Amino acid sequence: MKRLISIVALLAIATPAFAATKTPRPSHITRTSDGSYDVTYNYTDKAKSGWYAAARAELSLLNWTNKYSSDSPTVNEALKSDDFSFEPLFSANLAFGKRINYFWRAELEAGYISKFTDEDEGYKFALSVPYAMFNGYYDFNNGIYLGAGIGVAFPETELSDDEFTSGGGKKMEVSPMGALMAGYSYKLDDNLVLDLRYRLAGFYGTTQKRTWVDDAKIGGTEVGGCYLKNKMGLVLSNSISVGLRYEF
């Protein structure tokens, strides 16, 4: 009886101490041939490599100015610059990155801003922008993060008219691109993270020139052999995206 009381007392003392250490519960216990026990544990927390892949859907609001000019005095006098403000364009991007430590991570991002089209004075203008960037982020404990990126944009414009000479309708240029980002990450499970991001980015558009055919007329004015030139200048993009990040 005394032995039983001693065992109960020992268990009463040991149980709180055992709980305080937060030792994981054994998932499997087997007894060996010599009478001892083998205990194995099942840990739910998995060590991660730090690498991740992300996909985002994005709404980009673009701002820029088309500055038109011509060597035809009549056309040049009638031309006006077009100012585009917060033009909504859908875009998407993919990224592959790595967490450097608890706070910092870096990624490579490739994206595409969908085509914008506009028709004015009988000619058509179109713009689309593929790009690639290297981004760095700082993650705070509350899920908020800040970041900056640098890369290249490949703006492609198309200036078309039925009376332009054939060929050369599209023009692509390579432009440096910079960005500042702010966002919020929400952990959905051990590997999946919801990513909300705002980005302010800037790059330069194309300068494109097309020539009218010899017998072309605009409003009764002879413009044959004359050119129409468009210079875009700086393009600013305000974008809001939602995406998923899978951490390996």
C-alpha atoms as a PDB file:
ATOM      1  CA  MET A   1       0.000   0.000   0.000  1.00  0.00           C
ATOM      2  CA  LYS A   2       2.840   2.347   0.877  1.00  0.00           C
ATOM      3  CA  ARG A   3       4.437   1.583  -2.500  1.00  0.00           C
ATOM      4  CA  LEU A   4       1.206   2.496  -4.321  1.00  0.00           C
ATOM      5  CA  ILE A   5       0.919   5.764  -2.408  1.00  0.00           C
ATOM      6  CA  SER A   6       4.543   6.584  -3.269  1.00  0.00           C
ATOM      7  CA  ILE A   7       3.959   5.922  -6.975  1.00  0.00           C
ATOM      8  CA  VAL A   8       0.844   8.137  -6.996  1.00  0.00           C
ATOM      9  CA  ALA A   9       2.710  10.932  -5.220  1.00  0.00           C
ATOM     10  CA  LEU A  10       5.616  10.648  -7.650  1.00  0.00           C
ATOM     11  CA  LEU A  11       3.266  10.873 -10.628  1.00  0.00           C
ATOM     12  CA  ALA A  12       1.512  13.897  -9.106  1.00  0.00           C
ATOM     13  CA  ILE A  13       4.858  15.685  -8.822  1.00  0.00           C
ATOM     14  CA  ALA A  14       6.230  14.598 -12.198  1.00  0.00           C
ATOM     15  CA  THR A  15       3.126  15.356 -14.304  1.00  0.00           C
ATOM     16  CA  PRO A  16       3.190  19.198 -13.943  1.00  0.00           C
ATOM     17  CA  ALA A  17       6.934  19.231 -14.500  1.00  0.00           C
ATOM     18  CA  PHE A  18       6.528  17.083 -17.613  1.00  0.00           C
ATOM     19  CA  ALA A  19       3.777  19.381 -18.935  1.00  0.00           C
ATOM     20  CA  ALA A  20       5.872  22.464 -18.252  1.00  0.00           C
ATOM     21  CA  THR A  21       8.597  21.212 -20.587  1.00  0.00           C
ATOM     22  CA  LYS A  22       6.007  20.927 -23.411  1.00  0.00           C
ATOM     23  CA  THR A  23       7.514  17.653 -24.579  1.00  0.00           C
ATOM     24  CA  PRO A  24       5.638  16.448 -27.684  1.00  0.00           C
ATOM     25  CA  ARG A  25       3.356  13.491 -27.124  1.00  0.00           C
ATOM     26  CA  PRO A  26       4.713  10.174 -28.442  1.00  0.00           C
ATOM     27  CA  SER A  27       3.071   8.945 -31.594  1.00  0.00           C
ATOM     28  CA  HIS A  28       4.207   5.335 -31.285  1.00  0.00           C
ATOM     29  CA  ILE A  29       5.566   3.161 -28.446  1.00  0.00           C
ATOM     30  CA  THR A  30       7.041  -0.309 -29.010  1.00  0.00           C
ATOM     31  CA  ARG A  31       8.590  -2.750 -26.564  1.00  0.00           C
ATOM     32  CA  THR A  32      11.849  -4.385 -27.522  1.00  0.00           C
ATOM     33  CA  SER A  33      12.934  -7.974 -26.854  1.00  0.00           C
ATOM     34  CA  ASP A  34      14.994  -6.965 -23.817  1.00  0.00           C
ATOM     35  CA  GLY A  35      11.977  -5.387 -22.135  1.00  0.00           C
ATOM     36  CA  SER A  36      12.843  -1.709 -22.871  1.00  0.00           C
ATOM     37  CA  TYR A  37      10.672   0.702 -24.883  1.00  0.00           C
ATOM     38  CA  ASP A  38      11.297   2.583 -28.149  1.00  0.00           C
ATOM     39  CA  VAL A  39       9.388   5.875 -28.395  1.00  0.00           C
ATOM     40  CA  THR A  40       8.978   7.809 -31.643  1.00  0.00           C
ATOM     41  CA  TYR A  41       7.498  11.285 -31.995  1.00  0.00           C
ATOM     42  CA  ASN A  42       5.493  12.888 -34.782  1.00  0.00           C
ATOM     43  CA  TYR A  43       6.352  16.569 -35.162  1.00  0.00           C
ATOM     44  CA  THR A  44       3.898  18.769 -37.104  1.00  0.00           C
ATOM     45  CA  ASP A  45       6.390  21.628 -37.502  1.00  0.00           C
ATOM     46  CA  LYS A  46       8.496  21.030 -40.603  1.00  0.00           C
ATOM     47  CA  ALA A  47      11.839  22.632 -41.322  1.00  0.00           C
ATOM     48  CA  LYS A  48      11.558  24.896 -44.391  1.00  0.00           C
ATOM     49  CA  SER A  49      14.157  25.586 -47.033  1.00  0.00           C
ATOM     50  CA  GLY A  50      13.348  29.301 -47.204  1.00  0.00           C
ATOM     51  CA  TRP A  51      12.528  29.110 -50.911  1.00  0.00           C
ATOM     52  CA  TYR A  52       9.087  30.112 -52.159  1.00  0.00           C
ATOM     53  CA  ALA A  53       7.068  30.620 -55.337  1.00  0.00           C
ATOM     54  CA  ALA A  54       4.347  33.237 -55.783  1.00  0.00           C
ATOM     55  CA  ALA A  55       1.649  34.146 -58.294  1.00  0.00           C
ATOM     56  CA  ARG A  56      -0.266  37.432 -58.288  1.00  0.00           C
ATOM     57  CA  ALA A  57      -3.221  38.947 -60.156  1.00  0.00           C
ATOM     58  CA  GLU A  58      -2.907  42.701 -60.407  1.00  0.00           C
ATOM     59  CA  LEU A  59      -4.827  45.853 -61.296  1.00  0.00           C
ATOM     60  CA  SER A  60      -2.425  48.446 -62.724  1.00  0.00           C
ATOM     61  CA  LEU A  61      -3.375  52.122 -63.034  1.00  0.00           C
ATOM     62  CA  LEU A  62      -1.043  53.713 -65.631  1.00  0.00           C
ATOM     63  CA  ASN A  63      -0.244  57.400 -66.114  1.00  0.00           C
ATOM     64  CA  TRP A  64       1.659  58.852 -69.085  1.00  0.00           C
ATOM     65  CA  THR A  65       1.537  61.390 -71.929  1.00  0.00           C
ATOM     66  CA  ASN A  66       1.642  60.772 -75.686  1.00  0.00           C
ATOM     67  CA  LYS A  67       3.399  63.703 -77.389  1.00  0.00           C
ATOM     68  CA  TYR A  68       2.668  63.695 -81.130  1.00  0.00           C
ATOM     69  CA  SER A  69       4.528  65.610 -83.824  1.00  0.00           C
ATOM     70  CA  SER A  70       4.799  65.633 -87.631  1.00  0.00           C
ATOM     71  CA  ASP A  71       6.855  67.238 -90.379  1.00  0.00           C
ATOM     72  CA  SER A  72       3.581  68.276 -92.046  1.00  0.00           C
ATOM     73  CA  PRO A  73       2.854  71.842 -90.801  1.00  0.00           C
ATOM     74  CA  THR A  74      -0.904  71.332 -91.109  1.00  0.00           C
ATOM     75  CA  VAL A  75      -0.886  68.026 -89.227  1.00  0.00           C
ATOM     76  CA  ASN A  76       1.600  69.266 -86.626  1.00  0.00           C
ATOM     77  CA  GLU A  77      -0.569  72.299 -85.868  1.00  0.00           C
ATOM     78  CA  ALA A  78      -3.657  70.110 -85.383  1.00  0.00           C
ATOM     79  CA  LEU A  79      -1.947  67.518 -83.207  1.00  0.00           C
ATOM     80  CA  LYS A  80      -2.525  67.530 -79.475  1.00  0.00           C
ATOM     81  CA  SER A  81      -0.800  65.645 -76.701  1.00  0.00           C
ATOM     82  CA  ASP A  82      -2.869  62.920 -75.046  1.00  0.00           C
ATOM     83  CA  ASP A  83      -2.689  62.689 -71.259  1.00  0.00           C
ATOM     84  CA  PHE A  84      -3.672  59.325 -69.819  1.00  0.00           C
ATOM     85  CA  SER A  85      -4.419  59.194 -66.083  1.00  0.00           C
ATOM     86  CA  PHE A  86      -4.967  56.058 -64.012  1.00  0.00           C
ATOM     87  CA  GLU A  87      -5.872  53.910 -66.999  1.00  0.00           C
ATOM     88  CA  PRO A  88      -6.964  50.539 -65.519  1.00  0.00           C
ATOM     89  CA  LEU A  89      -5.163  47.522 -66.949  1.00  0.00           C
ATOM     90  CA  PHE A  90      -5.155  43.973 -65.630  1.00  0.00           C
ATOM     91  CA  SER A  91      -1.813  42.271 -65.261  1.00  0.00           C
ATOM     92  CA  ALA A  92      -0.232  39.202 -63.703  1.00  0.00           C
ATOM     93  CA  ASN A  93       3.178  38.143 -62.457  1.00  0.00           C
ATOM     94  CA  LEU A  94       5.109  35.149 -61.177  1.00  0.00           C
ATOM     95  CA  ALA A  95       7.937  35.258 -58.654  1.00  0.00           C
ATOM     96  CA  PHE A  96      10.501  32.891 -57.183  1.00  0.00           C
ATOM     97  CA  GLY A  97      12.360  33.901 -54.051  1.00  0.00           C
ATOM     98  CA  LYS A  98      14.139  32.975 -50.821  1.00  0.00           C
ATOM     99  CA  ARG A  99      13.911  34.054 -47.235  1.00  0.00           C
ATOM    100  CA  ILE A 100      17.373  35.219 -46.197  1.00  0.00           C
ATOM    101  CA  ASN A 101      16.636  35.382 -42.456  1.00  0.00           C
ATOM    102  CA  TYR A 102      13.629  35.981 -40.229  1.00  0.00           C
ATOM    103  CA  PHE A 103      13.003  39.492 -41.591  1.00  0.00           C
ATOM    104  CA  TRP A 104      14.560  39.716 -45.065  1.00  0.00           C
ATOM    105  CA  ARG A 105      13.668  37.960 -48.327  1.00  0.00           C
ATOM    106  CA  ALA A 106      14.541  38.478 -51.998  1.00  0.00           C
ATOM    107  CA  GLU A 107      12.807  37.406 -55.198  1.00  0.00           C
ATOM    108  CA  LEU A 108      12.903  37.501 -58.983  1.00  0.00           C
ATOM    109  CA  GLU A 109       9.605  38.612 -60.562  1.00  0.00           C
ATOM    110  CA  ALA A 110       8.406  38.425 -64.169  1.00  0.00           C
ATOM    111  CA  GLY A 111       5.136  40.052 -65.207  1.00  0.00           C
ATOM    112  CA  TYR A 112       2.974  41.363 -68.005  1.00  0.00           C
ATOM    113  CA  ILE A 113       0.782  44.483 -68.064  1.00  0.00           C
ATOM    114  CA  SER A 114      -2.063  43.839 -70.503  1.00  0.00           C
ATOM    115  CA  LYS A 115      -2.710  45.825 -73.682  1.00  0.00           C
ATOM    116  CA  PHE A 116      -4.137  49.356 -73.690  1.00  0.00           C
ATOM    117  CA  THR A 117      -5.671  50.683 -76.914  1.00  0.00           C
ATOM    118  CA  ASP A 118      -6.787  54.136 -78.019  1.00  0.00           C
ATOM    119  CA  GLU A 119      -7.994  55.550 -81.341  1.00  0.00           C
ATOM    120  CA  ASP A 120      -7.570  59.228 -82.229  1.00  0.00           C
ATOM    121  CA  GLU A 121      -7.620  61.230 -85.466  1.00  0.00           C
ATOM    122  CA  GLY A 122      -8.000  58.038 -87.503  1.00  0.00           C
ATOM    123  CA  TYR A 123      -4.874  56.297 -86.211  1.00  0.00           C
ATOM    124  CA  LYS A 124      -4.665  53.732 -83.445  1.00  0.00           C
ATOM    125  CA  PHE A 125      -2.297  53.495 -80.488  1.00  0.00           C
ATOM    126  CA  ALA A 126      -1.669  50.374 -78.363  1.00  0.00           C
ATOM    127  CA  LEU A 127       0.621  49.700 -75.390  1.00  0.00           C
ATOM    128  CA  SER A 128       1.597  46.516 -73.529  1.00  0.00           C
ATOM    129  CA  VAL A 129       4.450  45.996 -71.054  1.00  0.00           C
ATOM    130  CA  PRO A 130       6.331  42.798 -70.167  1.00  0.00           C
ATOM    131  CA  TYR A 131       8.882  43.309 -67.370  1.00  0.00           C
ATOM    132  CA  ALA A 132      11.352  41.564 -65.066  1.00  0.00           C
ATOM    133  CA  MET A 133      12.460  42.755 -61.623  1.00  0.00           C
ATOM    134  CA  PHE A 134      14.627  41.876 -58.629  1.00  0.00           C
ATOM    135  CA  ASN A 135      12.802  42.680 -55.381  1.00  0.00           C
ATOM    136  CA  GLY A 136      13.899  42.884 -51.759  1.00  0.00           C
ATOM    137  CA  TYR A 137      11.457  42.850 -48.818  1.00  0.00           C
ATOM    138  CA  TYR A 138      11.535  43.469 -45.070  1.00  0.00           C
ATOM    139  CA  ASP A 139       8.832  41.562 -43.151  1.00  0.00           C
ATOM    140  CA  PHE A 140       7.574  42.903 -39.827  1.00  0.00           C
ATOM    141  CA  ASN A 141       6.190  40.631 -37.086  1.00  0.00           C
ATOM    142  CA  ASN A 142       2.588  41.758 -37.696  1.00  0.00           C
ATOM    143  CA  GLY A 143       2.509  40.613 -41.340  1.00  0.00           C
ATOM    144  CA  ILE A 144       3.144  44.038 -42.880  1.00  0.00           C
ATOM    145  CA  TYR A 145       6.124  44.315 -45.228  1.00  0.00           C
ATOM    146  CA  LEU A 146       7.986  46.995 -47.177  1.00  0.00           C
ATOM    147  CA  GLY A 147      10.070  46.492 -50.305  1.00  0.00           C
ATOM    148  CA  ALA A 148      11.883  47.968 -53.261  1.00  0.00           C
ATOM    149  CA  GLY A 149      12.692  46.626 -56.701  1.00  0.00           C
ATOM    150  CA  ILE A 150      14.842  47.312 -59.727  1.00  0.00           C
ATOM    151  CA  GLY A 151      14.703  45.755 -63.177  1.00  0.00           C
ATOM    152  CA  VAL A 152      13.837  46.281 -66.814  1.00  0.00           C
ATOM    153  CA  ALA A 153      10.592  46.919 -68.675  1.00  0.00           C
ATOM    154  CA  PHE A 154       9.983  46.067 -72.324  1.00  0.00           C
ATOM    155  CA  PRO A 155       7.226  48.506 -73.367  1.00  0.00           C
ATOM    156  CA  GLU A 156       5.786  47.705 -76.785  1.00  0.00           C
ATOM    157  CA  THR A 157       3.669  50.215 -78.685  1.00  0.00           C
ATOM    158  CA  GLU A 158       1.762  49.911 -81.916  1.00  0.00           C
ATOM    159  CA  LEU A 159       0.975  52.969 -84.032  1.00  0.00           C
ATOM    160  CA  SER A 160      -1.256  52.014 -86.935  1.00  0.00           C
ATOM    161  CA  ASP A 161      -3.255  53.680 -89.715  1.00  0.00           C
ATOM    162  CA  ASP A 162      -4.652  52.350 -92.977  1.00  0.00           C
ATOM    163  CA  GLU A 163      -2.499  54.846 -94.882  1.00  0.00           C
ATOM    164  CA  PHE A 164       0.812  54.259 -93.115  1.00  0.00           C
ATOM    165  CA  THR A 165       3.492  52.490 -95.118  1.00  0.00           C
ATOM    166  CA  SER A 166       3.612  48.768 -94.446  1.00  0.00           C
ATOM    167  CA  GLY A 167       5.886  47.317 -91.791  1.00  0.00           C
ATOM    168  CA  GLY A 168       7.199  48.816 -88.572  1.00  0.00           C
ATOM    169  CA  GLY A 169       3.814  48.953 -86.890  1.00  0.00           C
ATOM    170  CA  LYS A 170       5.198  47.757 -83.554  1.00  0.00           C
ATOM    171  CA  LYS A 171       8.063  49.191 -81.532  1.00  0.00           C
ATOM    172  CA  MET A 172       9.634  47.686 -78.411  1.00  0.00           C
ATOM    173  CA  GLU A 173      12.234  49.365 -76.247  1.00  0.00           C
ATOM    174  CA  VAL A 174      14.201  48.368 -73.153  1.00  0.00           C
ATOM    175  CA  SER A 175      13.784  50.699 -70.175  1.00  0.00           C
ATOM    176  CA  PRO A 176      15.099  50.681 -66.601  1.00  0.00           C
ATOM    177  CA  MET A 177      12.284  50.107 -64.102  1.00  0.00           C
ATOM    178  CA  GLY A 178      12.140  50.895 -60.400  1.00  0.00           C
ATOM    179  CA  ALA A 179       9.477  50.239 -57.764  1.00  0.00           C
ATOM    180  CA  LEU A 180       8.518  50.739 -54.121  1.00  0.00           C
ATOM    181  CA  MET A 181       6.174  48.259 -52.441  1.00  0.00           C
ATOM    182  CA  ALA A 182       4.110  47.870 -49.290  1.00  0.00           C
ATOM    183  CA  GLY A 183       1.971  44.875 -48.438  1.00  0.00           C
ATOM    184  CA  TYR A 184       0.491  42.419 -45.983  1.00  0.00           C
ATOM    185  CA  SER A 185       1.067  38.675 -45.638  1.00  0.00           C
ATOM    186  CA  TYR A 186      -1.424  36.341 -43.959  1.00  0.00           C
ATOM    187  CA  LYS A 187      -0.493  32.744 -43.225  1.00  0.00           C
ATOM    188  CA  LEU A 188      -3.209  30.321 -44.397  1.00  0.00           C
ATOM    189  CA  ASP A 189      -1.369  27.149 -43.328  1.00  0.00           C
ATOM    190  CA  ASP A 190       2.179  25.870 -42.821  1.00  0.00           C
ATOM    191  CA  ASN A 191       3.124  26.451 -46.457  1.00  0.00           C
ATOM    192  CA  LEU A 192       0.537  28.774 -48.020  1.00  0.00           C
ATOM    193  CA  VAL A 193       0.549  32.565 -47.553  1.00  0.00           C
ATOM    194  CA  LEU A 194      -1.982  35.132 -48.807  1.00  0.00           C
ATOM    195  CA  ASP A 195      -0.156  38.158 -50.227  1.00  0.00           C
ATOM    196  CA  LEU A 196      -1.706  41.642 -50.661  1.00  0.00           C
ATOM    197  CA  ARG A 197       0.581  44.255 -52.263  1.00  0.00           C
ATOM    198  CA  TYR A 198       0.615  47.872 -53.400  1.00  0.00           C
ATOM    199  CA  ARG A 199       3.353  48.963 -55.791  1.00  0.00           C
ATOM    200  CA  LEU A 200       4.416  52.286 -57.287  1.00  0.00           C
ATOM    201  CA  ALA A 201       6.588  51.633 -60.353  1.00  0.00           C
ATOM    202  CA  GLY A 202       8.078  53.764 -63.105  1.00  0.00           C
ATOM    203  CA  PHE A 203       9.654  53.187 -66.512  1.00  0.00           C
ATOM    204  CA  TYR A 204      10.024  54.972 -69.862  1.00  0.00           C
ATOM    205  CA  GLY A 205       7.850  54.242 -72.884  1.00  0.00           C
ATOM    206  CA  THR A 206       8.771  54.171 -76.550  1.00  0.00           C
ATOM    207  CA  THR A 207       9.433  56.800 -79.195  1.00  0.00           C
ATOM    208  CA  GLN A 208       7.873  55.651 -82.452  1.00  0.00           C
ATOM    209  CA  LYS A 209       7.629  57.164 -85.951  1.00  0.00           C
ATOM    210  CA  ARG A 210       5.438  56.059 -88.866  1.00  0.00           C
ATOM    211  CA  THR A 211       5.268  57.433 -92.432  1.00  0.00           C
ATOM    212  CA  TRP A 212       2.171  57.959 -94.574  1.00  0.00           C
ATOM    213  CA  VAL A 213       2.019  56.530 -98.084  1.00  0.00           C
ATOM    214  CA  ASP A 214       2.647  58.912-101.002  1.00  0.00           C
ATOM    215  CA  ASP A 215      -0.994  59.677-101.840  1.00  0.00           C
ATOM    216  CA  ALA A 216      -2.307  59.835 -98.263  1.00  0.00           C
ATOM    217  CA  LYS A 217      -4.676  62.629 -97.213  1.00  0.00           C
ATOM    218  CA  ILE A 218      -6.043  63.684 -93.831  1.00  0.00           C
ATOM    219  CA  GLY A 219      -9.101  65.930 -93.943  1.00  0.00           C
ATOM    220  CA  GLY A 220      -8.256  66.898 -97.519  1.00  0.00           C
ATOM    221  CA  THR A 221      -4.656  67.762 -96.622  1.00  0.00           C
ATOM    222  CA  GLU A 222      -1.858  66.015 -98.500  1.00  0.00           C
ATOM    223  CA  VAL A 223       0.351  64.167 -96.031  1.00  0.00           C
ATOM    224  CA  GLY A 224       2.012  61.684 -98.430  1.00  0.00           C
ATOM    225  CA  GLY A 225       5.602  60.990 -97.400  1.00  0.00           C
ATOM    226  CA  CYS A 226       5.208  62.842 -94.091  1.00  0.00           C
ATOM    227  CA  TYR A 227       5.732  61.163 -90.739  1.00  0.00           C
ATOM    228  CA  LEU A 228       3.792  60.946 -87.489  1.00  0.00           C
ATOM    229  CA  LYS A 229       5.936  60.668 -84.372  1.00  0.00           C
ATOM    230  CA  ASN A 230       4.867  59.720 -80.853  1.00  0.00           C
ATOM    231  CA  LYS A 231       7.057  60.122 -77.755  1.00  0.00           C
ATOM    232  CA  MET A 232       5.758  58.640 -74.490  1.00  0.00           C
ATOM    233  CA  GLY A 233       8.220  59.659 -71.793  1.00  0.00           C
ATOM    234  CA  LEU A 234       7.869  58.461 -68.190  1.00  0.00           C
ATOM    235  CA  VAL A 235       5.118  55.951 -67.340  1.00  0.00           C
ATOM    236  CA  LEU A 236       3.971  55.668 -63.707  1.00  0.00           C
ATOM    237  CA  SER A 237       2.073  52.614 -62.535  1.00  0.00           C
ATOM    238  CA  ASN A 238       0.054  52.344 -59.326  1.00  0.00           C
ATOM    239  CA  SER A 239      -0.884  48.702 -58.858  1.00  0.00           C
ATOM    240  CA  ILE A 240      -2.806  46.637 -56.324  1.00  0.00           C
ATOM    241  CA  SER A 241      -2.367  42.872 -56.372  1.00  0.00           C
ATOM    242  CA  VAL A 242      -3.598  39.785 -54.562  1.00  0.00           C
ATOM    243  CA  GLY A 243      -1.672  36.542 -54.718  1.00  0.00           C
ATOM    244  CA  LEU A 244      -0.582  33.320 -53.094  1.00  0.00           C
ATOM    245  CA  ARG A 245       2.903  32.418 -51.899  1.00  0.00           C
ATOM    246  CA  TYR A 246       3.906  28.777 -51.419  1.00  0.00           C
ATOM    247  CA  GLU A 247       6.824  28.264 -49.053  1.00  0.00           C
ATOM    248  CA  PHE A 248       8.884  25.119 -49.532  1.00  0.00           C
END
